[in-house]
Amino acid sequence: MESQGKARFQVAGQPYPIVQVSDLGPDGCRIKVPVQPGAVLNAETLLDRLELIHPALPKDPVQARVVWVHDQDAAGTGFVETGVQFLHPPSDYTRKLSNYVTFLEPPSTYGH
């Protein structure tokens, strides 16, 4: 997973201050989340106040939803990869993400 930046968010009041972001697109991204005791992410988990941390990305927090979880840390890395979908982002947010992906980042190799 090649990082395209970082993000922070909360799940049910539990902060996730720094997570790696990859496969960023206008509709969502993949995140690498540290495993936290008592916190389990699954499809449908809501991420509150998701903020992307990168100078070229929108700063506004948005809500997102987990759409898939890749092995609840089966490899023992201390991290879980999940796919998230942005929920109701402002049009300016989507436009900035599209510009970033189109002009500033090389195409994703996910799925190849």
N, C-alpha and C. Protein backbone atom coordinates (compact mmCIF):
# COMPACT_ATOMS: atom_id res chain seq x y z
N MET A 1 0.85 -1.18 0.00
CA MET A 1 0.00 0.00 0.00
C MET A 1 0.89 1.24 0.00
N GLU A 2 0.90 1.97 -1.10
CA GLU A 2 1.71 3.17 -1.20
C GLU A 2 0.89 4.37 -0.70
N SER A 3 1.39 5.05 0.31
CA SER A 3 0.66 6.14 0.94
C SER A 3 0.58 7.36 0.03
N GLN A 4 -0.61 7.96 -0.02
CA GLN A 4 -0.82 9.22 -0.74
C GLN A 4 -1.05 10.35 0.25
N GLY A 5 -0.82 10.10 1.49
CA GLY A 5 -1.05 11.11 2.51
C GLY A 5 -1.53 10.43 3.78
N LYS A 6 -2.08 11.24 4.65
CA LYS A 6 -2.56 10.73 5.93
C LYS A 6 -3.96 11.30 6.18
N ALA A 7 -4.62 10.72 7.16
CA ALA A 7 -5.94 11.20 7.55
C ALA A 7 -6.10 11.00 9.05
N ARG A 8 -7.12 11.64 9.59
CA ARG A 8 -7.51 11.42 10.98
C ARG A 8 -9.04 11.42 11.01
N PHE A 9 -9.58 10.72 12.00
CA PHE A 9 -11.03 10.62 12.13
C PHE A 9 -11.37 10.06 13.50
N GLN A 10 -12.67 9.92 13.75
CA GLN A 10 -13.15 9.32 14.99
C GLN A 10 -14.18 8.25 14.65
N VAL A 11 -14.23 7.23 15.49
CA VAL A 11 -15.28 6.21 15.40
C VAL A 11 -15.89 6.10 16.78
N ALA A 12 -17.15 6.46 16.89
CA ALA A 12 -17.86 6.41 18.18
C ALA A 12 -17.05 7.10 19.28
N GLY A 13 -16.46 8.26 18.97
CA GLY A 13 -15.69 9.03 19.94
C GLY A 13 -14.25 8.58 20.12
N GLN A 14 -13.88 7.43 19.55
CA GLN A 14 -12.50 6.92 19.64
C GLN A 14 -11.66 7.58 18.54
N PRO A 15 -10.63 8.36 18.92
CA PRO A 15 -9.83 9.03 17.88
C PRO A 15 -8.84 8.08 17.20
N TYR A 16 -8.69 8.29 15.92
CA TYR A 16 -7.64 7.67 15.11
C TYR A 16 -6.86 8.84 14.54
N PRO A 17 -5.78 9.27 15.24
CA PRO A 17 -5.14 10.54 14.89
C PRO A 17 -4.32 10.55 13.60
N ILE A 18 -3.65 9.47 13.24
CA ILE A 18 -2.84 9.45 12.03
C ILE A 18 -2.96 8.07 11.37
N VAL A 19 -3.58 8.03 10.20
CA VAL A 19 -3.67 6.78 9.44
C VAL A 19 -3.18 7.04 8.02
N GLN A 20 -2.59 6.03 7.41
CA GLN A 20 -2.12 6.15 6.02
C GLN A 20 -3.29 6.04 5.06
N VAL A 21 -3.21 6.84 3.99
CA VAL A 21 -4.25 6.85 2.95
C VAL A 21 -3.62 6.43 1.63
N SER A 22 -4.32 5.60 0.87
CA SER A 22 -3.89 5.26 -0.48
C SER A 22 -5.13 5.06 -1.35
N ASP A 23 -4.91 4.82 -2.64
CA ASP A 23 -5.99 4.62 -3.60
C ASP A 23 -7.06 5.70 -3.47
N LEU A 24 -6.61 6.93 -3.32
CA LEU A 24 -7.50 8.06 -3.13
C LEU A 24 -8.23 8.40 -4.42
N GLY A 25 -9.51 8.61 -4.30
CA GLY A 25 -10.33 9.02 -5.44
C GLY A 25 -11.41 9.97 -4.98
N PRO A 26 -12.20 10.50 -5.90
CA PRO A 26 -13.22 11.48 -5.50
C PRO A 26 -14.32 10.89 -4.62
N ASP A 27 -14.49 9.57 -4.64
CA ASP A 27 -15.56 8.95 -3.86
C ASP A 27 -15.10 8.30 -2.57
N GLY A 28 -13.78 8.08 -2.43
CA GLY A 28 -13.30 7.41 -1.23
C GLY A 28 -11.83 7.06 -1.33
N CYS A 29 -11.38 6.18 -0.44
CA CYS A 29 -9.97 5.81 -0.40
C CYS A 29 -9.80 4.52 0.39
N ARG A 30 -8.56 4.09 0.46
CA ARG A 30 -8.19 2.97 1.31
C ARG A 30 -7.39 3.54 2.46
N ILE A 31 -7.63 3.05 3.68
CA ILE A 31 -6.87 3.50 4.83
C ILE A 31 -6.28 2.30 5.55
N LYS A 32 -5.15 2.54 6.19
CA LYS A 32 -4.47 1.52 6.98
C LYS A 32 -4.60 1.96 8.44
N VAL A 33 -5.43 1.25 9.17
CA VAL A 33 -5.83 1.66 10.51
C VAL A 33 -5.12 0.82 11.56
N PRO A 34 -4.52 1.46 12.58
CA PRO A 34 -3.93 0.67 13.66
C PRO A 34 -5.01 -0.07 14.44
N VAL A 35 -4.73 -1.33 14.76
CA VAL A 35 -5.67 -2.12 15.56
C VAL A 35 -5.69 -1.53 16.96
N GLN A 36 -6.88 -1.23 17.46
CA GLN A 36 -7.00 -0.69 18.81
C GLN A 36 -7.84 -1.63 19.65
N PRO A 37 -7.43 -1.89 20.89
CA PRO A 37 -8.19 -2.79 21.76
C PRO A 37 -9.64 -2.34 21.89
N GLY A 38 -10.56 -3.27 21.71
CA GLY A 38 -11.98 -2.96 21.86
C GLY A 38 -12.60 -2.26 20.68
N ALA A 39 -11.82 -1.88 19.69
CA ALA A 39 -12.36 -1.19 18.51
C ALA A 39 -12.28 -2.11 17.31
N VAL A 40 -13.43 -2.39 16.74
CA VAL A 40 -13.48 -3.25 15.56
C VAL A 40 -14.17 -2.48 14.44
N LEU A 41 -13.47 -2.35 13.32
CA LEU A 41 -14.08 -1.73 12.15
C LEU A 41 -14.68 -2.83 11.30
N ASN A 42 -15.88 -2.58 10.79
CA ASN A 42 -16.50 -3.52 9.87
C ASN A 42 -17.28 -2.73 8.83
N ALA A 43 -17.75 -3.43 7.81
CA ALA A 43 -18.55 -2.75 6.79
C ALA A 43 -19.72 -2.07 7.48
N GLU A 44 -19.95 -0.85 7.11
CA GLU A 44 -21.01 0.00 7.66
C GLU A 44 -20.56 0.86 8.85
N THR A 45 -19.34 0.67 9.38
CA THR A 45 -18.85 1.55 10.44
C THR A 45 -18.76 2.97 9.89
N LEU A 46 -19.25 3.94 10.65
CA LEU A 46 -19.18 5.34 10.24
C LEU A 46 -17.93 5.99 10.83
N LEU A 47 -17.23 6.73 9.99
CA LEU A 47 -16.06 7.50 10.41
C LEU A 47 -16.50 8.96 10.50
N ASP A 48 -16.38 9.53 11.67
CA ASP A 48 -16.77 10.92 11.88
C ASP A 48 -15.58 11.84 11.70
N ARG A 49 -15.84 12.98 11.10
CA ARG A 49 -14.84 14.05 10.95
C ARG A 49 -13.55 13.56 10.31
N LEU A 50 -13.69 12.81 9.21
CA LEU A 50 -12.53 12.36 8.47
C LEU A 50 -11.86 13.58 7.83
N GLU A 51 -10.60 13.79 8.18
CA GLU A 51 -9.83 14.91 7.63
C GLU A 51 -8.61 14.36 6.92
N LEU A 52 -8.41 14.78 5.67
CA LEU A 52 -7.23 14.40 4.92
C LEU A 52 -6.09 15.34 5.27
N ILE A 53 -4.91 14.78 5.50
CA ILE A 53 -3.76 15.58 5.93
C ILE A 53 -2.73 15.59 4.80
N HIS A 54 -2.83 16.57 3.94
CA HIS A 54 -1.90 16.75 2.83
C HIS A 54 -2.15 18.16 2.29
N PRO A 55 -1.10 18.93 1.97
CA PRO A 55 -1.30 20.32 1.54
C PRO A 55 -2.15 20.47 0.28
N ALA A 56 -2.17 19.47 -0.60
CA ALA A 56 -2.92 19.60 -1.86
C ALA A 56 -4.34 19.06 -1.76
N LEU A 57 -4.73 18.56 -0.59
CA LEU A 57 -6.06 17.97 -0.44
C LEU A 57 -6.99 18.87 0.36
N PRO A 58 -8.31 18.69 0.18
CA PRO A 58 -9.26 19.52 0.93
C PRO A 58 -9.08 19.34 2.44
N LYS A 59 -9.28 20.42 3.17
CA LYS A 59 -9.08 20.41 4.62
C LYS A 59 -10.36 20.10 5.40
N ASP A 60 -11.51 20.30 4.76
CA ASP A 60 -12.78 20.15 5.46
C ASP A 60 -13.03 18.71 5.91
N PRO A 61 -13.49 18.52 7.15
CA PRO A 61 -13.83 17.17 7.59
C PRO A 61 -15.12 16.69 6.93
N VAL A 62 -15.18 15.41 6.62
CA VAL A 62 -16.38 14.81 6.05
C VAL A 62 -16.70 13.52 6.81
N GLN A 63 -17.89 13.04 6.62
CA GLN A 63 -18.24 11.75 7.19
C GLN A 63 -17.97 10.69 6.11
N ALA A 64 -17.56 9.51 6.54
CA ALA A 64 -17.29 8.42 5.61
C ALA A 64 -17.81 7.12 6.21
N ARG A 65 -17.92 6.12 5.36
CA ARG A 65 -18.42 4.81 5.79
C ARG A 65 -17.45 3.74 5.31
N VAL A 66 -17.16 2.78 6.19
CA VAL A 66 -16.33 1.65 5.81
C VAL A 66 -17.16 0.78 4.86
N VAL A 67 -16.58 0.42 3.70
CA VAL A 67 -17.29 -0.42 2.75
C VAL A 67 -16.69 -1.82 2.66
N TRP A 68 -15.45 -1.97 3.07
CA TRP A 68 -14.82 -3.30 3.16
C TRP A 68 -13.68 -3.26 4.15
N VAL A 69 -13.39 -4.42 4.72
CA VAL A 69 -12.27 -4.59 5.66
C VAL A 69 -11.47 -5.78 5.17
N HIS A 70 -10.17 -5.61 5.05
CA HIS A 70 -9.30 -6.68 4.57
C HIS A 70 -8.65 -7.37 5.77
N ASP A 71 -9.09 -8.57 6.08
CA ASP A 71 -8.50 -9.39 7.14
C ASP A 71 -8.22 -8.60 8.42
N GLN A 72 -8.96 -8.85 9.43
CA GLN A 72 -8.77 -8.17 10.72
C GLN A 72 -7.39 -8.49 11.29
N ASP A 73 -6.35 -7.98 10.66
CA ASP A 73 -4.96 -8.12 11.08
C ASP A 73 -4.52 -9.58 11.17
N ALA A 74 -4.89 -10.36 10.16
CA ALA A 74 -4.52 -11.78 10.13
C ALA A 74 -3.00 -11.97 10.11
N ALA A 75 -2.27 -11.02 9.52
CA ALA A 75 -0.82 -11.15 9.42
C ALA A 75 -0.09 -10.68 10.68
N GLY A 76 -0.81 -10.13 11.63
CA GLY A 76 -0.20 -9.68 12.88
C GLY A 76 0.64 -8.42 12.73
N THR A 77 0.29 -7.55 11.79
CA THR A 77 1.05 -6.32 11.55
C THR A 77 0.70 -5.21 12.52
N GLY A 78 -0.45 -5.33 13.19
CA GLY A 78 -0.93 -4.25 14.04
C GLY A 78 -1.79 -3.26 13.28
N PHE A 79 -2.06 -3.55 11.98
CA PHE A 79 -2.87 -2.67 11.14
C PHE A 79 -3.91 -3.48 10.38
N VAL A 80 -5.00 -2.81 10.01
CA VAL A 80 -6.05 -3.38 9.19
C VAL A 80 -6.29 -2.42 8.03
N GLU A 81 -6.37 -2.95 6.80
CA GLU A 81 -6.69 -2.12 5.65
C GLU A 81 -8.19 -2.13 5.43
N THR A 82 -8.75 -0.95 5.20
CA THR A 82 -10.18 -0.83 4.94
C THR A 82 -10.41 0.13 3.79
N GLY A 83 -11.51 -0.08 3.10
CA GLY A 83 -11.94 0.85 2.07
C GLY A 83 -13.04 1.72 2.63
N VAL A 84 -12.96 3.02 2.37
CA VAL A 84 -13.99 3.93 2.88
C VAL A 84 -14.59 4.75 1.73
N GLN A 85 -15.85 5.06 1.89
CA GLN A 85 -16.58 5.88 0.94
C GLN A 85 -16.94 7.18 1.63
N PHE A 86 -16.65 8.31 0.95
CA PHE A 86 -17.04 9.61 1.49
C PHE A 86 -18.55 9.75 1.37
N LEU A 87 -19.20 10.23 2.45
CA LEU A 87 -20.64 10.42 2.45
C LEU A 87 -20.99 11.89 2.30
N HIS A 88 -21.69 12.23 1.28
CA HIS A 88 -22.20 13.58 1.03
C HIS A 88 -21.12 14.66 1.10
N PRO A 89 -19.97 14.45 0.41
CA PRO A 89 -18.96 15.51 0.44
C PRO A 89 -19.43 16.71 -0.38
N PRO A 90 -19.04 17.92 0.02
CA PRO A 90 -19.37 19.09 -0.79
C PRO A 90 -18.76 18.96 -2.18
N SER A 91 -19.38 19.57 -3.18
CA SER A 91 -18.89 19.46 -4.57
C SER A 91 -17.46 19.97 -4.69
N ASP A 92 -17.10 21.01 -3.94
CA ASP A 92 -15.74 21.54 -3.99
C ASP A 92 -14.74 20.49 -3.48
N TYR A 93 -15.13 19.72 -2.49
CA TYR A 93 -14.29 18.65 -1.93
C TYR A 93 -14.01 17.61 -3.01
N THR A 94 -15.07 17.17 -3.67
CA THR A 94 -14.95 16.17 -4.74
C THR A 94 -14.09 16.70 -5.88
N ARG A 95 -14.28 17.96 -6.24
CA ARG A 95 -13.50 18.57 -7.33
C ARG A 95 -12.01 18.61 -6.98
N LYS A 96 -11.68 19.00 -5.74
CA LYS A 96 -10.28 19.05 -5.32
C LYS A 96 -9.65 17.66 -5.33
N LEU A 97 -10.40 16.66 -4.90
CA LEU A 97 -9.89 15.30 -4.93
C LEU A 97 -9.66 14.83 -6.36
N SER A 98 -10.60 15.13 -7.24
CA SER A 98 -10.46 14.75 -8.65
C SER A 98 -9.23 15.40 -9.27
N ASN A 99 -9.03 16.68 -8.98
CA ASN A 99 -7.85 17.39 -9.50
C ASN A 99 -6.56 16.78 -8.96
N TYR A 100 -6.55 16.45 -7.70
CA TYR A 100 -5.37 15.86 -7.08
C TYR A 100 -5.03 14.53 -7.75
N VAL A 101 -6.03 13.68 -7.89
CA VAL A 101 -5.81 12.35 -8.48
C VAL A 101 -5.40 12.47 -9.94
N THR A 102 -6.03 13.39 -10.69
CA THR A 102 -5.76 13.51 -12.11
C THR A 102 -4.42 14.16 -12.41
N PHE A 103 -4.07 15.19 -11.66
CA PHE A 103 -2.90 16.00 -12.03
C PHE A 103 -1.68 15.83 -11.13
N LEU A 104 -1.86 15.43 -9.90
CA LEU A 104 -0.73 15.42 -8.97
C LEU A 104 -0.22 14.04 -8.60
N GLU A 105 -1.03 13.00 -8.75
CA GLU A 105 -0.63 11.67 -8.32
C GLU A 105 -0.59 10.73 -9.52
N PRO A 106 0.35 9.80 -9.54
CA PRO A 106 0.35 8.78 -10.59
C PRO A 106 -0.86 7.87 -10.42
N PRO A 107 -1.28 7.20 -11.48
CA PRO A 107 -2.45 6.30 -11.38
C PRO A 107 -2.21 5.20 -10.36
N SER A 108 -3.27 4.78 -9.72
CA SER A 108 -3.21 3.72 -8.72
C SER A 108 -2.87 2.40 -9.41
N THR A 109 -2.15 1.55 -8.70
CA THR A 109 -1.85 0.22 -9.22
C THR A 109 -2.74 -0.81 -8.55
N TYR A 110 -3.68 -0.38 -7.73
CA TYR A 110 -4.58 -1.31 -7.03
C TYR A 110 -5.37 -2.12 -8.05
N GLY A 111 -5.38 -3.41 -7.88
CA GLY A 111 -6.14 -4.27 -8.76
C GLY A 111 -5.37 -4.74 -9.97
N HIS A 112 -4.10 -4.35 -10.09
CA HIS A 112 -3.29 -4.78 -11.25
C HIS A 112 -2.31 -5.84 -10.83
